[in-house]
Amino acid sequence: MTHGAGVPERDATADVTAGAIRNLAGRWLPLLGDGDFVVSPVGLWLGLGVVASGARGRTGEELGALLGVRGEAAAEAVTGVGRRVAAVDGVAVATGVWSAVPVREAFRRGVPGVRFGALPWAALFALPDEAFGATDDMSLGELPDLRGELDAWVRRATGGRIRRMPLELDGSEDLVLLNALALKASWSSAFPARLTRDEPFTDGCGDTRPVPTMRQRIPAGWVWYVDGVTVVELPCAGEGSARVRFVLGPEGAGPAEVLPAAWAGSGARRPLVAGSADLALPRFTLRTTTDALGHLAALGVIRALCPGADFSGISAADSYVGRVAQSAVVEVAEEGVEAAAVTRVTMTRGAVPPRHEAVERVAFDRPFGVVVLDGAGELPLFTGWRSSAPVRSTGGSDGRDVV
């Protein structure tokens, strides 16, 4: 894993790339439904960006339309975004590619931060070790069980927050790409544990039940409104730390309407009039696995998903994208926030303390969203939606939600 400290200098394409990632997030949200979910738009963009750097012709055009970059520009943007994300305090990012077919040297050089390795069935192609590049630390005669190896990589890259790679392998894969993103941060002002108590939460089905709810009085500057959506930012400790925002829309509003308010610019914000706010926020965990292959088709990426796709910039093999999946988790508690996501892209040739004049109460007592952004508040690292009522664990003594 790569840990960063401080915010890197922005290059000339940083604003364009950040806009493209927010656009991907905004277009993806309506496809995720209104139930509980957590995803990483940055993780999906990075994973697709690596393969887009080797896409050519109409395949490259479709991916470029979704990602905002293509070809060599995609490779440069992936490297830039990876460095920018890694520079956020408390965030780690890693990408690995395992291949059974020869990978072009130009593709490998174009993504210098990516780790390359061999799939066990590469021996079927009688490939020499050098076909997999100098970063491969395995020989074809000493290949471990792939599932175990990739799961171990996932655990290392996410600090154990995600234990397994999304979806199983069936041996038809020509190339497997994994991107991992992990965050661990403490609030600059922790919630006093003594104030946590059960309060009513009305879920997306209209049922109300008591849930463990944290409480804290926060400054007015941590709260603002965007088109009827309440946004609360809880600062994390550390210079250049992630920005964690919770968003609460009008009753009945869904995630596609509410979550984009978290990254709306300052010109769209209306400040809190009161001098401070009493915040009531459920303690919760979200953990989901999303099969995004069908979502890509709905977003206009068709050729990359079909035989005949042109990824000649990656390999001479006639491969196409056969699986895209993402596992993600976010945990919010009194002390801080932890989150992780692993995105898998598979290519195959087979089937596939202020002065208080007034105090506003801000209670997240109905479906709400959580968004984690980079230090500049521009890249949506994680977006989540909590529709169900958080429940107490029956397997431990800490009472934390285990959904």
Protein backbone atom coordinates (compact mmCIF):
# COMPACT_ATOMS: atom_id res chain seq x y z
CA MET A 1 0.00 0.00 0.00
CA THR A 2 1.07 3.53 -0.61
CA HIS A 3 0.45 6.06 2.15
CA GLY A 4 0.63 9.77 1.44
CA ALA A 5 1.02 12.90 3.52
CA GLY A 6 -0.01 16.24 2.12
CA VAL A 7 -1.84 17.34 -1.01
CA PRO A 8 0.08 17.03 -4.30
CA GLU A 9 0.42 19.81 -6.80
CA ARG A 10 -2.37 19.84 -9.36
CA ASP A 11 -1.52 19.32 -12.99
CA ALA A 12 -3.23 21.03 -15.92
CA THR A 13 -5.76 18.21 -16.36
CA ALA A 14 -6.69 17.82 -12.66
CA ASP A 15 -9.93 19.80 -12.91
CA VAL A 16 -11.03 17.97 -16.08
CA THR A 17 -10.29 14.58 -14.54
CA ALA A 18 -12.05 15.42 -11.27
CA GLY A 19 -15.08 16.57 -13.25
CA ALA A 20 -15.08 13.31 -15.22
CA ILE A 21 -15.02 11.24 -12.02
CA ARG A 22 -17.89 13.25 -10.52
CA ASN A 23 -19.79 12.82 -13.78
CA LEU A 24 -19.27 9.05 -13.63
CA ALA A 25 -20.49 9.05 -10.03
CA GLY A 26 -23.59 11.06 -10.90
CA ARG A 27 -24.47 8.79 -13.83
CA TRP A 28 -23.83 5.62 -11.81
CA LEU A 29 -26.01 6.52 -8.83
CA PRO A 30 -29.42 6.09 -10.53
CA LEU A 31 -28.42 2.53 -11.48
CA LEU A 32 -27.70 1.50 -7.88
CA GLY A 33 -31.29 1.63 -6.62
CA ASP A 34 -32.69 3.08 -3.39
CA GLY A 35 -31.57 0.35 -0.98
CA ASP A 36 -28.39 0.20 1.10
CA PHE A 37 -25.16 0.44 -0.89
CA VAL A 38 -21.63 1.76 -0.77
CA VAL A 39 -19.41 2.11 -3.83
CA SER A 40 -16.19 3.85 -4.85
CA PRO A 41 -16.55 6.01 -7.97
CA VAL A 42 -12.80 6.70 -7.89
CA GLY A 43 -12.07 2.98 -7.63
CA LEU A 44 -14.27 2.17 -10.63
CA TRP A 45 -12.77 5.05 -12.63
CA LEU A 46 -9.21 3.93 -11.85
CA GLY A 47 -9.90 0.30 -12.76
CA LEU A 48 -11.58 1.18 -16.04
CA GLY A 49 -8.94 3.85 -16.71
CA VAL A 50 -6.15 1.27 -16.70
CA VAL A 51 -7.86 -0.90 -19.34
CA ALA A 52 -8.98 2.20 -21.27
CA SER A 53 -5.34 3.18 -21.68
CA GLY A 54 -4.95 0.09 -23.88
CA ALA A 55 -8.26 0.42 -25.75
CA ARG A 56 -8.23 1.49 -29.38
CA GLY A 57 -10.77 2.42 -32.10
CA ARG A 58 -14.45 2.53 -31.20
CA THR A 59 -13.75 0.61 -27.98
CA GLY A 60 -11.49 3.43 -26.84
CA GLU A 61 -14.00 6.07 -27.91
CA GLU A 62 -16.79 4.54 -25.79
CA LEU A 63 -14.61 4.20 -22.72
CA GLY A 64 -13.24 7.70 -23.29
CA ALA A 65 -16.76 9.14 -23.40
CA LEU A 66 -17.49 7.61 -19.98
CA LEU A 67 -14.14 8.33 -18.33
CA GLY A 68 -13.26 11.65 -19.96
CA VAL A 69 -9.84 10.34 -21.09
CA ARG A 70 -8.53 7.67 -23.46
CA GLY A 71 -5.31 6.12 -24.74
CA GLU A 72 -2.06 7.61 -23.44
CA ALA A 73 -4.01 10.42 -21.78
CA ALA A 74 -5.90 7.78 -19.76
CA ALA A 75 -2.64 6.24 -18.56
CA GLU A 76 -1.33 9.65 -17.46
CA ALA A 77 -4.62 10.50 -15.76
CA VAL A 78 -4.69 7.17 -13.88
CA THR A 79 -1.19 7.83 -12.57
CA GLY A 80 -2.11 11.38 -11.58
CA VAL A 81 -5.33 10.40 -9.80
CA GLY A 82 -3.57 7.53 -8.03
CA ARG A 83 -0.92 9.88 -6.69
CA ARG A 84 -3.50 12.47 -5.69
CA VAL A 85 -5.59 9.92 -3.81
CA ALA A 86 -2.54 8.39 -2.10
CA ALA A 87 -1.54 11.86 -0.89
CA VAL A 88 -4.73 12.16 1.20
CA ASP A 89 -3.84 11.60 4.85
CA GLY A 90 -5.04 8.19 6.02
CA VAL A 91 -5.76 6.87 2.50
CA ALA A 92 -3.95 4.04 0.69
CA VAL A 93 -4.41 2.99 -2.94
CA ALA A 94 -2.96 0.07 -4.91
CA THR A 95 -3.53 -1.53 -8.32
CA GLY A 96 -2.45 -4.94 -9.60
CA VAL A 97 -2.77 -6.77 -12.92
CA TRP A 98 -2.44 -10.54 -13.28
CA SER A 99 -2.29 -11.86 -16.85
CA ALA A 100 -2.22 -15.16 -18.74
CA VAL A 101 -1.33 -13.50 -22.04
CA PRO A 102 1.69 -11.39 -23.01
CA VAL A 103 1.19 -7.75 -21.96
CA ARG A 104 2.71 -5.11 -24.19
CA GLU A 105 5.73 -3.33 -22.76
CA ALA A 106 4.28 0.06 -23.72
CA PHE A 107 1.14 -0.67 -21.66
CA ARG A 108 3.22 -1.65 -18.64
CA ARG A 109 5.37 1.46 -18.89
CA GLY A 110 2.28 3.66 -19.26
CA VAL A 111 0.98 2.70 -15.79
CA PRO A 112 4.12 2.70 -13.64
CA GLY A 113 2.26 2.39 -10.34
CA VAL A 114 0.63 -0.93 -11.28
CA ARG A 115 1.96 -4.28 -10.00
CA PHE A 116 2.04 -7.04 -12.65
CA GLY A 117 1.88 -10.80 -12.08
CA ALA A 118 1.05 -14.07 -13.81
CA LEU A 119 -2.12 -16.14 -13.82
CA PRO A 120 -1.48 -19.88 -13.21
CA TRP A 121 -2.90 -20.89 -16.56
CA ALA A 122 -0.33 -18.67 -18.31
CA ALA A 123 1.68 -21.89 -18.70
CA LEU A 124 -0.83 -22.95 -21.33
CA PHE A 125 0.59 -20.23 -23.54
CA ALA A 126 4.18 -21.37 -22.89
CA LEU A 127 5.19 -17.84 -22.02
CA PRO A 128 8.67 -17.01 -20.71
CA ASP A 129 8.88 -15.19 -17.36
CA GLU A 130 10.00 -11.95 -19.02
CA ALA A 131 6.62 -11.67 -20.75
CA PHE A 132 5.18 -10.52 -17.43
CA GLY A 133 7.68 -7.78 -16.71
CA ALA A 134 10.28 -7.08 -14.09
CA THR A 135 7.68 -6.41 -11.39
CA ASP A 136 6.43 -10.02 -11.42
CA ASP A 137 7.72 -11.76 -8.31
CA MET A 138 6.61 -15.27 -9.30
CA SER A 139 7.97 -17.88 -11.66
CA LEU A 140 5.71 -20.16 -13.68
CA GLY A 141 7.06 -23.15 -11.80
CA GLU A 142 6.16 -21.75 -8.36
CA LEU A 143 2.66 -20.36 -8.74
CA PRO A 144 0.54 -20.39 -5.57
CA ASP A 145 -3.21 -20.88 -5.54
CA LEU A 146 -4.48 -17.79 -7.36
CA ARG A 147 -7.60 -17.27 -5.30
CA GLY A 148 -5.58 -17.36 -2.10
CA GLU A 149 -2.95 -15.04 -3.54
CA LEU A 150 -5.44 -12.43 -4.75
CA ASP A 151 -7.46 -12.59 -1.54
CA ALA A 152 -4.25 -12.03 0.43
CA TRP A 153 -3.44 -9.04 -1.80
CA VAL A 154 -6.93 -7.64 -1.15
CA ARG A 155 -6.52 -8.02 2.61
CA ARG A 156 -3.12 -6.32 2.59
CA ALA A 157 -4.28 -3.49 0.35
CA THR A 158 -7.39 -2.74 2.45
CA GLY A 159 -5.90 -3.31 5.88
CA GLY A 160 -8.11 -6.37 6.33
CA ARG A 161 -11.35 -4.41 5.89
CA ILE A 162 -12.20 -6.49 2.80
CA ARG A 163 -11.26 -10.15 3.04
CA ARG A 164 -11.94 -11.51 -0.43
CA MET A 165 -11.82 -10.48 -4.06
CA PRO A 166 -15.23 -9.67 -5.60
CA LEU A 167 -16.65 -12.68 -7.48
CA GLU A 168 -15.01 -16.03 -8.17
CA LEU A 169 -12.56 -17.04 -10.88
CA ASP A 170 -13.43 -19.78 -13.38
CA GLY A 171 -10.14 -20.16 -15.29
CA SER A 172 -11.31 -18.38 -18.44
CA GLU A 173 -9.69 -15.07 -17.45
CA ASP A 174 -6.96 -13.67 -19.68
CA LEU A 175 -6.36 -10.69 -17.37
CA VAL A 176 -7.54 -9.74 -13.89
CA LEU A 177 -7.20 -6.16 -12.65
CA LEU A 178 -7.74 -5.26 -9.01
CA ASN A 179 -7.83 -1.74 -7.61
CA ALA A 180 -7.93 -1.27 -3.84
CA LEU A 181 -8.69 1.88 -1.89
CA ALA A 182 -8.63 2.11 1.91
CA LEU A 183 -9.23 4.88 4.45
CA LYS A 184 -8.82 5.12 8.21
CA ALA A 185 -9.31 8.50 9.84
CA SER A 186 -10.21 9.93 13.24
CA TRP A 187 -12.63 12.82 13.68
CA SER A 188 -10.96 16.06 14.71
CA SER A 189 -13.73 16.21 17.33
CA ALA A 190 -14.91 12.77 18.43
CA PHE A 191 -18.49 12.05 19.47
CA PRO A 192 -18.69 11.63 23.26
CA ALA A 193 -19.55 7.96 23.75
CA ARG A 194 -21.64 8.78 26.84
CA LEU A 195 -24.08 10.72 24.64
CA THR A 196 -24.80 7.80 22.27
CA ARG A 197 -28.28 6.49 22.84
CA ASP A 198 -31.17 4.90 20.99
CA GLU A 199 -33.26 7.29 18.93
CA PRO A 200 -35.98 6.60 16.32
CA PHE A 201 -34.98 6.01 12.68
CA THR A 202 -37.58 5.69 9.92
CA ASP A 203 -36.30 3.45 7.11
CA GLY A 204 -37.05 3.56 3.39
CA CYS A 205 -40.12 1.35 3.89
CA GLY A 206 -41.60 3.73 6.45
CA ASP A 207 -40.95 1.53 9.48
CA THR A 208 -39.58 3.25 12.60
CA ARG A 209 -37.28 1.58 15.12
CA PRO A 210 -34.73 2.72 17.73
CA VAL A 211 -31.09 2.78 16.56
CA PRO A 212 -27.81 3.69 18.32
CA THR A 213 -27.37 7.40 17.58
CA MET A 214 -24.30 9.52 18.27
CA ARG A 215 -24.71 13.13 19.37
CA GLN A 216 -22.48 16.18 19.19
CA ARG A 217 -22.88 19.97 19.00
CA ILE A 218 -21.04 21.21 15.89
CA PRO A 219 -20.16 24.68 14.51
CA ALA A 220 -22.45 26.29 11.96
CA GLY A 221 -19.69 26.20 9.35
CA TRP A 222 -19.88 22.40 9.24
CA VAL A 223 -23.48 22.53 7.94
CA TRP A 224 -24.93 23.92 4.70
CA TYR A 225 -27.82 23.33 2.30
CA VAL A 226 -27.87 22.52 -1.43
CA ASP A 227 -31.28 22.57 -3.15
CA GLY A 228 -33.12 21.29 -0.08
CA VAL A 229 -30.42 18.77 0.88
CA THR A 230 -28.69 19.17 4.26
CA VAL A 231 -24.93 18.60 4.10
CA VAL A 232 -22.84 18.03 7.23
CA GLU A 233 -19.05 17.80 6.97
CA LEU A 234 -17.20 16.21 9.88
CA PRO A 235 -13.51 17.18 9.68
CA CYS A 236 -10.90 14.47 10.13
CA ALA A 237 -7.68 14.91 12.08
CA GLY A 238 -4.51 15.53 10.09
CA GLU A 239 -3.35 17.94 7.42
CA GLY A 240 -4.69 17.13 3.95
CA SER A 241 -7.19 14.61 5.38
CA ALA A 242 -10.27 13.27 3.62
CA ARG A 243 -13.53 15.23 3.74
CA VAL A 244 -16.42 13.17 5.09
CA ARG A 245 -19.87 14.53 4.37
CA PHE A 246 -23.30 13.23 5.35
CA VAL A 247 -26.28 14.26 3.24
CA LEU A 248 -29.96 14.25 4.21
CA GLY A 249 -32.59 15.00 1.59
CA PRO A 250 -36.27 15.78 1.85
CA GLU A 251 -38.51 12.90 2.90
CA GLY A 252 -38.84 10.42 0.04
CA ALA A 253 -35.77 11.65 -1.86
CA GLY A 254 -33.48 8.93 -3.20
CA PRO A 255 -29.68 8.64 -3.45
CA ALA A 256 -29.44 9.86 -7.05
CA GLU A 257 -31.09 13.12 -5.96
CA VAL A 258 -29.31 13.54 -2.65
CA LEU A 259 -25.70 12.29 -2.88
CA PRO A 260 -24.42 14.74 -5.56
CA ALA A 261 -25.08 17.60 -3.11
CA ALA A 262 -21.98 16.41 -1.25
CA TRP A 263 -19.68 17.64 -4.02
CA ALA A 264 -21.66 20.68 -5.14
CA GLY A 265 -19.51 23.80 -5.41
CA SER A 266 -19.53 26.64 -2.91
CA GLY A 267 -21.73 28.74 -5.20
CA ALA A 268 -24.60 26.26 -4.77
CA ARG A 269 -24.44 26.25 -0.96
CA ARG A 270 -26.71 28.09 1.45
CA PRO A 271 -25.22 28.50 4.94
CA LEU A 272 -26.79 27.54 8.23
CA VAL A 273 -28.40 30.59 9.84
CA ALA A 274 -28.09 29.36 13.43
CA GLY A 275 -24.87 29.74 15.42
CA SER A 276 -24.40 25.99 15.80
CA ALA A 277 -26.16 22.64 15.31
CA ASP A 278 -27.01 19.65 17.48
CA LEU A 279 -26.08 16.68 15.31
CA ALA A 280 -27.71 13.29 15.77
CA LEU A 281 -26.07 10.67 13.52
CA PRO A 282 -26.58 6.86 13.62
CA ARG A 283 -23.52 4.73 14.23
CA PHE A 284 -23.46 2.36 11.26
CA THR A 285 -21.62 0.05 8.90
CA LEU A 286 -22.40 -0.44 5.20
CA ARG A 287 -20.96 -3.39 3.28
CA THR A 288 -22.02 -4.30 -0.26
CA THR A 289 -20.78 -6.04 -3.41
CA THR A 290 -21.91 -4.52 -6.71
CA ASP A 291 -21.84 -6.27 -10.09
CA ALA A 292 -21.24 -3.28 -12.36
CA LEU A 293 -21.03 -5.01 -15.74
CA GLY A 294 -24.64 -4.28 -16.65
CA HIS A 295 -24.24 -0.73 -15.37
CA LEU A 296 -21.49 -0.09 -17.92
CA ALA A 297 -23.77 -1.11 -20.76
CA ALA A 298 -26.41 1.31 -19.44
CA LEU A 299 -23.71 4.01 -19.38
CA GLY A 300 -22.93 3.54 -23.07
CA VAL A 301 -19.97 1.14 -22.90
CA ILE A 302 -20.92 -1.68 -25.29
CA ARG A 303 -17.99 -2.64 -27.52
CA ALA A 304 -15.58 -3.19 -24.63
CA LEU A 305 -17.95 -5.87 -23.26
CA CYS A 306 -18.24 -7.94 -26.44
CA PRO A 307 -15.98 -10.25 -28.47
CA GLY A 308 -14.19 -8.15 -31.06
CA ALA A 309 -13.35 -5.37 -28.60
CA ASP A 310 -10.11 -3.60 -29.46
CA PHE A 311 -7.67 -3.72 -26.54
CA SER A 312 -4.68 -4.09 -28.81
CA GLY A 313 -2.78 -1.56 -26.71
CA ILE A 314 -2.74 -4.08 -23.85
CA SER A 315 -2.06 -7.36 -25.65
CA ALA A 316 -2.27 -9.05 -29.03
CA ALA A 317 -4.82 -11.44 -27.52
CA ASP A 318 -8.42 -10.88 -28.67
CA SER A 319 -9.91 -10.13 -25.24
CA TYR A 320 -12.89 -8.18 -23.96
CA VAL A 321 -14.17 -7.08 -20.54
CA GLY A 322 -16.12 -10.01 -19.10
CA ARG A 323 -16.66 -9.01 -15.46
CA VAL A 324 -16.68 -5.77 -13.47
CA ALA A 325 -17.45 -5.95 -9.75
CA GLN A 326 -16.76 -3.95 -6.62
CA SER A 327 -16.82 -4.77 -2.91
CA ALA A 328 -16.90 -1.82 -0.52
CA VAL A 329 -17.39 -1.07 3.15
CA VAL A 330 -17.71 2.08 5.26
CA GLU A 331 -17.92 2.20 9.06
CA VAL A 332 -18.84 5.33 11.01
CA ALA A 333 -18.39 5.39 14.78
CA GLU A 334 -17.71 7.80 17.65
CA GLU A 335 -13.96 7.87 17.05
CA GLY A 336 -13.84 8.22 13.27
CA VAL A 337 -14.44 6.58 9.89
CA GLU A 338 -12.99 3.57 8.11
CA ALA A 339 -13.71 2.62 4.49
CA ALA A 340 -12.34 0.35 1.78
CA ALA A 341 -13.20 -0.74 -1.75
CA VAL A 342 -11.84 -3.33 -4.17
CA THR A 343 -12.72 -3.04 -7.85
CA ARG A 344 -12.20 -6.02 -10.15
CA VAL A 345 -12.07 -5.84 -13.94
CA THR A 346 -11.66 -9.17 -15.77
CA MET A 347 -10.76 -9.55 -19.44
CA THR A 348 -11.48 -12.84 -21.13
CA ARG A 349 -11.89 -14.59 -24.46
CA GLY A 350 -14.45 -17.03 -23.00
CA ALA A 351 -18.03 -16.51 -21.72
CA VAL A 352 -18.11 -14.44 -18.90
CA PRO A 353 -16.86 25.86 20.31
CA PRO A 354 -18.73 28.86 18.84
CA ARG A 355 -20.90 31.60 20.25
CA HIS A 356 -24.44 30.20 20.18
CA GLU A 357 -27.11 32.64 19.11
CA ALA A 358 -29.31 29.79 17.92
CA VAL A 359 -28.95 26.02 17.68
CA GLU A 360 -30.29 23.96 14.77
CA ARG A 361 -31.13 20.27 15.25
CA VAL A 362 -29.81 18.08 12.41
CA ALA A 363 -31.04 14.52 12.89
CA PHE A 364 -30.22 11.80 10.39
CA ASP A 365 -33.35 9.89 11.37
CA ARG A 366 -34.38 8.67 7.91
CA PRO A 367 -32.51 7.41 4.80
CA PHE A 368 -29.32 9.42 4.29
CA GLY A 369 -26.04 9.34 2.40
CA VAL A 370 -22.35 9.42 3.26
CA VAL A 371 -19.65 10.65 0.87
CA VAL A 372 -15.88 10.60 1.39
CA LEU A 373 -13.93 13.01 -0.82
CA ASP A 374 -10.26 13.83 -1.22
CA GLY A 375 -8.70 16.72 0.68
CA ALA A 376 -9.78 19.22 -1.99
CA GLY A 377 -13.39 18.01 -1.76
CA GLU A 378 -13.47 17.13 -5.47
CA LEU A 379 -12.92 13.36 -5.93
CA PRO A 380 -15.70 11.09 -4.59
CA LEU A 381 -13.65 8.28 -3.05
CA PHE A 382 -16.71 6.56 -1.52
CA THR A 383 -20.45 7.16 -1.83
CA GLY A 384 -22.96 5.30 0.30
CA TRP A 385 -26.68 5.28 1.04
CA ARG A 386 -28.28 4.06 4.25
CA SER A 387 -31.95 3.19 3.73
CA SER A 388 -32.44 0.48 6.37
CA ALA A 389 -32.27 1.11 10.11
CA PRO A 390 -28.85 0.28 11.60
CA VAL A 391 -29.14 -2.76 13.88
CA ARG A 392 -27.21 -3.91 16.90
CA SER A 393 -24.74 -6.77 16.57
CA THR A 394 -25.74 -9.98 18.31
CA GLY A 395 -22.25 -11.43 18.08
CA GLY A 396 -20.30 -8.94 20.19
CA SER A 397 -20.48 -6.54 23.08
CA ASP A 398 -19.87 -3.25 21.31
CA GLY A 399 -23.37 -3.01 19.87
CA ARG A 400 -22.12 -1.94 16.45
CA ASP A 401 -24.11 -2.33 13.29
CA VAL A 402 -23.10 -5.34 11.19
CA VAL A 403 -25.22 -4.91 8.05
